[in-house]
Protein backbone atom coordinates (compact mmCIF):
# COMPACT_ATOMS: atom_id res chain seq x y z
CA UNK A 1 -6.13 11.73 -3.25
CA UNK A 2 -3.20 12.95 -1.18
CA UNK A 3 -0.42 15.11 -2.59
CA UNK A 4 3.00 15.09 -0.95
CA UNK A 5 5.86 17.53 -1.45
CA UNK A 6 9.28 17.03 0.15
CA UNK A 7 11.84 19.72 0.91
CA UNK A 8 15.00 20.20 2.91
CA UNK A 9 17.47 18.03 1.06
CA UNK A 10 20.96 19.19 0.21
CA UNK A 11 24.67 18.59 0.52
CA UNK A 12 26.16 18.08 3.98
CA UNK A 13 29.43 16.79 5.36
CA UNK A 14 29.61 13.53 7.26
CA UNK A 15 28.61 14.05 10.88
CA UNK A 16 26.28 16.90 9.97
CA UNK A 17 22.51 17.22 10.18
CA UNK A 18 19.58 17.88 7.89
CA UNK A 19 15.86 18.19 8.48
CA UNK A 20 13.50 17.00 5.76
CA UNK A 21 9.93 18.21 5.57
CA UNK A 22 6.94 16.71 3.80
CA UNK A 23 3.86 18.84 3.22
CA UNK A 24 0.59 17.05 2.53
CA UNK A 25 -2.62 18.24 0.96
CA UNK A 26 -5.80 16.51 0.00
CA UNK A 27 -8.69 14.76 1.59
CA UNK A 28 -8.09 13.44 5.13
CA UNK A 29 -4.32 13.66 4.70
CA UNK A 30 -3.79 14.17 8.43
CA UNK A 31 -5.35 10.77 9.20
CA UNK A 32 -2.83 8.80 7.15
CA UNK A 33 0.25 7.08 8.48
CA UNK A 34 3.39 8.57 6.96
CA UNK A 35 6.74 7.18 6.04
CA UNK A 36 10.15 8.08 4.70
CA UNK A 37 12.00 5.94 2.20
CA UNK A 38 15.26 6.43 0.35
CA UNK A 39 16.92 5.19 -2.80
CA UNK A 40 20.65 5.26 -3.36
CA UNK A 41 22.14 5.16 -6.86
CA UNK A 42 21.98 1.65 -8.27
CA UNK A 43 20.01 0.33 -5.30
CA UNK A 44 16.38 -0.43 -4.56
CA UNK A 45 14.25 1.92 -2.53
CA UNK A 46 14.39 1.11 1.18
CA UNK A 47 12.37 1.92 4.28
CA UNK A 48 13.78 4.57 6.60
CA UNK A 49 11.09 5.50 9.14
CA UNK A 50 7.33 5.58 9.65
CA UNK A 51 4.88 7.17 12.05
CA UNK A 52 1.24 6.41 12.74
CA UNK A 53 -1.57 8.91 12.20
CA UNK A 54 -1.49 10.31 15.74
CA UNK A 55 2.28 10.44 16.11
CA UNK A 56 2.13 8.07 19.06
CA UNK A 57 4.10 5.27 17.41
CA UNK A 58 7.18 5.43 15.20
CA UNK A 59 9.39 2.86 13.54
CA UNK A 60 12.90 2.96 12.14
CA UNK A 61 15.25 0.96 9.99
CA UNK A 62 18.13 -0.45 12.01
CA UNK A 63 20.59 1.58 9.97
CA UNK A 64 19.14 4.91 11.19
CA UNK A 65 18.03 4.11 14.74
CA UNK A 66 19.44 6.59 17.23
CA UNK A 67 20.36 9.06 14.48
CA UNK A 68 17.07 9.89 12.72
CA UNK A 69 13.79 11.06 14.25
CA UNK A 70 10.44 11.15 12.50
CA UNK A 71 7.73 13.49 13.75
CA UNK A 72 4.49 15.00 12.52
CA UNK A 73 2.39 18.12 12.93
CA UNK A 74 -1.19 17.25 12.02
CA UNK A 75 -2.36 20.83 12.45
CA UNK A 76 -0.15 21.73 9.49
CA UNK A 77 -0.36 18.39 7.66
CA UNK A 78 3.41 18.05 7.83
CA UNK A 79 5.87 15.30 8.62
CA UNK A 80 9.55 15.77 9.37
CA UNK A 81 12.68 13.66 9.37
CA UNK A 82 15.47 14.99 11.55
CA UNK A 83 18.72 13.39 10.43
CA UNK A 84 21.77 13.67 12.68
CA UNK A 85 25.26 12.17 12.53
CA UNK A 86 24.88 11.69 8.81
CA UNK A 87 27.08 9.19 7.00
CA UNK A 88 28.03 8.94 3.31
CA UNK A 89 25.87 5.81 3.09
CA UNK A 90 22.83 7.95 3.91
CA UNK A 91 23.15 9.54 0.48
CA UNK A 92 20.15 9.10 -1.79
CA UNK A 93 16.80 10.45 -2.87
CA UNK A 94 14.42 10.61 0.07
CA UNK A 95 10.74 10.06 -0.53
CA UNK A 96 7.79 10.86 1.67
CA UNK A 97 4.84 8.46 1.58
CA UNK A 98 1.34 8.16 3.03
CA UNK A 99 -0.86 5.15 3.68
CA UNK A 100 -3.59 3.74 5.83
CA UNK A 101 -1.20 1.92 8.16
CA UNK A 102 2.35 2.69 9.23
CA UNK A 103 3.29 -0.90 8.35
CA UNK A 104 2.27 -0.20 4.77
CA UNK A 105 1.52 -0.44 2.01
CA UNK A 106 1.92 3.23 1.18
CA UNK A 107 -0.41 4.49 -1.50
CA UNK A 108 0.83 8.04 -2.07
CA UNK A 109 4.35 9.24 -2.80
CA UNK A 110 6.15 12.52 -3.17
CA UNK A 111 8.63 13.35 -5.92
CA UNK A 112 11.67 13.01 -3.66
CA UNK A 113 14.44 15.25 -2.39
CA UNK A 114 18.16 14.61 -2.84
CA UNK A 115 20.41 14.16 0.20
CA UNK A 116 24.15 13.97 -0.40
CA UNK A 117 26.58 13.31 2.44
CA UNK A 118 30.22 13.92 1.62
CA UNK A 119 33.06 12.17 3.43
């Protein structure tokens, strides 16, 4: 079992930045690929970014490429999502996930952290 806890969400103006963190605990959590997903009100959850277990490969949704950066610190079992140039359409609940492969499926999920971008 892997437990995931997100933090770092909040309210920010358009054009601003936020950094989300995801702390992991549990057996072999540092060997799992990790991902970030988000869900806006009234919409389905969507993929944002993923990173493989070593941090050597990362993947992004087209809507966030060039603005968001995913990274990980295996020594501390943490994953981060640096979000720059935020837009109102980035608003939603952001979830951290862990799985065997960065392409999914993801087997473990955090409880989510709210990100609100005001115009």
